[in-house]
Amino acid sequence: QVQLVESGGGFVEAGGSLKLSCVASGNMFSSDTMGWYRQAPEKQRELVAIFTRSGTTTYADSVKGRFTISRDNARNTNLQMNSLRPEDTAVYYCNILRVWPVRREYWGQGTQVTVSS
């Protein structure tokens, strides 16, 4: 079983920065992809950024150029968020997508990010 713990959320004014971190415990595989999703009130959960084990990164168009995902090792991922906007306000979730030996997803409990205008 895999458990994810996020940290680093909080309250910030528009234009400010925050850094989110996620640590995974349990069995990890080299093919696991780690990433970040977010869910704003009354909206569907959406992808923010992902980082594959091969080093490929993907970002939502809305955060390109402002957010940077990094991966220290197989168990840690960070999301540096700069130039934050009120529309970035959401609960941010750390995610692991596993495709081998079976397809499965794991989620953290979420961390709140609030950006004031």
C-alpha atoms as a PDB file:
ATOM      1  CA  GLN A   1       0.000   0.000   0.000  1.00  0.00           C
ATOM      2  CA  VAL A   2       1.174   3.539  -0.777  1.00  0.00           C
ATOM      3  CA  GLN A   3       0.452   6.590   1.339  1.00  0.00           C
ATOM      4  CA  LEU A   4       0.988  10.184   0.274  1.00  0.00           C
ATOM      5  CA  VAL A   5       1.384  13.164   2.563  1.00  0.00           C
ATOM      6  CA  GLU A   6       1.259  16.722   1.234  1.00  0.00           C
ATOM      7  CA  SER A   7       2.478  19.866   2.918  1.00  0.00           C
ATOM      8  CA  GLY A   8       3.047  23.518   2.114  1.00  0.00           C
ATOM      9  CA  GLY A   9      -0.396  24.866   1.373  1.00  0.00           C
ATOM     10  CA  GLY A  10      -1.646  28.108   2.827  1.00  0.00           C
ATOM     11  CA  PHE A  11      -2.861  31.616   2.202  1.00  0.00           C
ATOM     12  CA  VAL A  12      -1.066  34.031  -0.111  1.00  0.00           C
ATOM     13  CA  GLU A  13      -1.808  37.269  -1.919  1.00  0.00           C
ATOM     14  CA  ALA A  14      -2.047  37.378  -5.701  1.00  0.00           C
ATOM     15  CA  GLY A  15       1.401  37.450  -7.249  1.00  0.00           C
ATOM     16  CA  GLY A  16       2.913  35.524  -4.372  1.00  0.00           C
ATOM     17  CA  SER A  17       4.507  32.096  -4.233  1.00  0.00           C
ATOM     18  CA  LEU A  18       4.024  28.811  -2.435  1.00  0.00           C
ATOM     19  CA  LYS A  19       5.822  25.481  -2.560  1.00  0.00           C
ATOM     20  CA  LEU A  20       3.983  22.217  -2.093  1.00  0.00           C
ATOM     21  CA  SER A  21       5.733  18.995  -1.158  1.00  0.00           C
ATOM     22  CA  CYS A  22       4.615  15.379  -1.227  1.00  0.00           C
ATOM     23  CA  VAL A  23       6.257  12.348   0.332  1.00  0.00           C
ATOM     24  CA  ALA A  24       5.255   8.785  -0.517  1.00  0.00           C
ATOM     25  CA  SER A  25       5.651   5.786   1.739  1.00  0.00           C
ATOM     26  CA  GLY A  26       5.247   2.131   0.892  1.00  0.00           C
ATOM     27  CA  ASN A  27       6.322   0.151  -2.138  1.00  0.00           C
ATOM     28  CA  MET A  28       7.231   2.237  -5.148  1.00  0.00           C
ATOM     29  CA  PHE A  29       8.051   1.114  -8.686  1.00  0.00           C
ATOM     30  CA  SER A  30      10.390   2.710 -11.187  1.00  0.00           C
ATOM     31  CA  SER A  31       7.532   3.267 -13.630  1.00  0.00           C
ATOM     32  CA  ASP A  32       5.378   5.247 -11.170  1.00  0.00           C
ATOM     33  CA  THR A  33       4.412   8.752 -12.256  1.00  0.00           C
ATOM     34  CA  MET A  34       3.975  11.405  -9.565  1.00  0.00           C
ATOM     35  CA  GLY A  35       1.929  14.511 -10.043  1.00  0.00           C
ATOM     36  CA  TRP A  36      -0.347  17.204  -8.701  1.00  0.00           C
ATOM     37  CA  TYR A  37      -4.045  17.773  -9.263  1.00  0.00           C
ATOM     38  CA  ARG A  38      -6.372  20.402  -7.869  1.00  0.00           C
ATOM     39  CA  GLN A  39     -10.049  20.816  -7.199  1.00  0.00           C
ATOM     40  CA  ALA A  40     -11.747  24.152  -6.746  1.00  0.00           C
ATOM     41  CA  PRO A  41     -15.188  24.452  -5.142  1.00  0.00           C
ATOM     42  CA  GLU A  42     -17.947  23.117  -7.403  1.00  0.00           C
ATOM     43  CA  LYS A  43     -15.446  22.142 -10.083  1.00  0.00           C
ATOM     44  CA  GLN A  44     -13.993  18.841 -11.215  1.00  0.00           C
ATOM     45  CA  ARG A  45     -10.541  17.754 -10.172  1.00  0.00           C
ATOM     46  CA  GLU A  46      -8.012  18.742 -12.818  1.00  0.00           C
ATOM     47  CA  LEU A  47      -4.414  17.949 -13.639  1.00  0.00           C
ATOM     48  CA  VAL A  48      -1.853  20.577 -12.678  1.00  0.00           C
ATOM     49  CA  ALA A  49       1.468  18.882 -13.444  1.00  0.00           C
ATOM     50  CA  ILE A  50       3.017  15.426 -13.660  1.00  0.00           C
ATOM     51  CA  PHE A  51       6.585  14.129 -13.559  1.00  0.00           C
ATOM     52  CA  THR A  52       7.370  10.689 -14.912  1.00  0.00           C
ATOM     53  CA  ARG A  53      10.260   8.527 -13.713  1.00  0.00           C
ATOM     54  CA  SER A  54      11.978   9.153 -17.052  1.00  0.00           C
ATOM     55  CA  GLY A  55      11.943  12.879 -16.340  1.00  0.00           C
ATOM     56  CA  THR A  56       9.148  13.980 -18.645  1.00  0.00           C
ATOM     57  CA  THR A  57       6.955  16.788 -17.314  1.00  0.00           C
ATOM     58  CA  THR A  58       3.487  17.880 -18.380  1.00  0.00           C
ATOM     59  CA  TYR A  59       1.649  21.010 -17.259  1.00  0.00           C
ATOM     60  CA  ALA A  60      -1.856  22.334 -17.551  1.00  0.00           C
ATOM     61  CA  ASP A  61      -1.944  25.310 -19.913  1.00  0.00           C
ATOM     62  CA  SER A  62      -3.220  27.517 -17.107  1.00  0.00           C
ATOM     63  CA  VAL A  63      -0.060  27.038 -15.039  1.00  0.00           C
ATOM     64  CA  LYS A  64       2.655  26.862 -17.703  1.00  0.00           C
ATOM     65  CA  GLY A  65       5.428  29.328 -17.021  1.00  0.00           C
ATOM     66  CA  ARG A  66       4.275  29.877 -13.434  1.00  0.00           C
ATOM     67  CA  PHE A  67       4.443  26.439 -11.793  1.00  0.00           C
ATOM     68  CA  THR A  68       7.363  24.016 -11.753  1.00  0.00           C
ATOM     69  CA  ILE A  69       7.178  20.383 -10.729  1.00  0.00           C
ATOM     70  CA  SER A  70      10.277  18.620  -9.507  1.00  0.00           C
ATOM     71  CA  ARG A  71      11.088  15.185  -8.224  1.00  0.00           C
ATOM     72  CA  ASP A  72      13.912  14.674  -5.744  1.00  0.00           C
ATOM     73  CA  ASN A  73      13.746  10.901  -5.907  1.00  0.00           C
ATOM     74  CA  ALA A  74      11.259   8.081  -6.325  1.00  0.00           C
ATOM     75  CA  ARG A  75       9.292   9.188  -3.243  1.00  0.00           C
ATOM     76  CA  ASN A  76       9.329  13.002  -3.215  1.00  0.00           C
ATOM     77  CA  THR A  77       7.767  15.540  -5.510  1.00  0.00           C
ATOM     78  CA  ASN A  78       7.469  19.313  -5.167  1.00  0.00           C
ATOM     79  CA  LEU A  79       5.361  21.955  -6.859  1.00  0.00           C
ATOM     80  CA  GLN A  80       6.784  25.463  -6.910  1.00  0.00           C
ATOM     81  CA  MET A  81       3.964  27.901  -7.597  1.00  0.00           C
ATOM     82  CA  ASN A  82       4.857  31.463  -8.585  1.00  0.00           C
ATOM     83  CA  SER A  83       2.767  34.411  -9.741  1.00  0.00           C
ATOM     84  CA  LEU A  84      -0.263  32.911  -8.050  1.00  0.00           C
ATOM     85  CA  ARG A  85      -3.710  34.075  -9.092  1.00  0.00           C
ATOM     86  CA  PRO A  86      -7.059  33.943  -7.303  1.00  0.00           C
ATOM     87  CA  GLU A  87      -8.171  31.297  -9.802  1.00  0.00           C
ATOM     88  CA  ASP A  88      -5.422  28.999  -8.482  1.00  0.00           C
ATOM     89  CA  THR A  89      -7.365  28.707  -5.241  1.00  0.00           C
ATOM     90  CA  ALA A  90      -8.141  25.013  -4.727  1.00  0.00           C
ATOM     91  CA  VAL A  91      -7.338  21.908  -2.768  1.00  0.00           C
ATOM     92  CA  TYR A  92      -4.166  20.452  -4.246  1.00  0.00           C
ATOM     93  CA  TYR A  93      -3.693  16.690  -4.268  1.00  0.00           C
ATOM     94  CA  CYS A  94      -0.569  14.644  -4.749  1.00  0.00           C
ATOM     95  CA  ASN A  95      -1.051  11.665  -7.047  1.00  0.00           C
ATOM     96  CA  ILE A  96       0.759   8.502  -8.047  1.00  0.00           C
ATOM     97  CA  LEU A  97      -0.223   6.771 -11.255  1.00  0.00           C
ATOM     98  CA  ARG A  98       0.992   3.183 -11.397  1.00  0.00           C
ATOM     99  CA  VAL A  99       0.783   1.215 -14.629  1.00  0.00           C
ATOM    100  CA  TRP A 100       2.755  -1.852 -13.595  1.00  0.00           C
ATOM    101  CA  PRO A 101       2.183  -4.522 -12.355  1.00  0.00           C
ATOM    102  CA  VAL A 102      -1.421  -3.330 -12.313  1.00  0.00           C
ATOM    103  CA  ARG A 103      -2.926   0.057 -13.096  1.00  0.00           C
ATOM    104  CA  ARG A 104      -3.760   1.913  -9.915  1.00  0.00           C
ATOM    105  CA  GLU A 105      -3.870   5.452  -8.569  1.00  0.00           C
ATOM    106  CA  TYR A 106      -3.059   6.756  -5.125  1.00  0.00           C
ATOM    107  CA  TRP A 107      -4.074  10.127  -3.676  1.00  0.00           C
ATOM    108  CA  GLY A 108      -2.982  12.253  -0.784  1.00  0.00           C
ATOM    109  CA  GLN A 109      -5.412  13.913   1.582  1.00  0.00           C
ATOM    110  CA  GLY A 110      -5.021  17.298  -0.107  1.00  0.00           C
ATOM    111  CA  THR A 111      -3.702  20.670   0.980  1.00  0.00           C
ATOM    112  CA  GLN A 112      -5.599  23.947   0.680  1.00  0.00           C
ATOM    113  CA  VAL A 113      -4.149  26.819  -1.345  1.00  0.00           C
ATOM    114  CA  THR A 114      -5.964  30.136  -1.109  1.00  0.00           C
ATOM    115  CA  VAL A 115      -4.937  33.137  -3.198  1.00  0.00           C
ATOM    116  CA  SER A 116      -6.484  36.487  -2.368  1.00  0.00           C
ATOM    117  CA  SER A 117      -6.994  39.233  -4.911  1.00  0.00           C
END
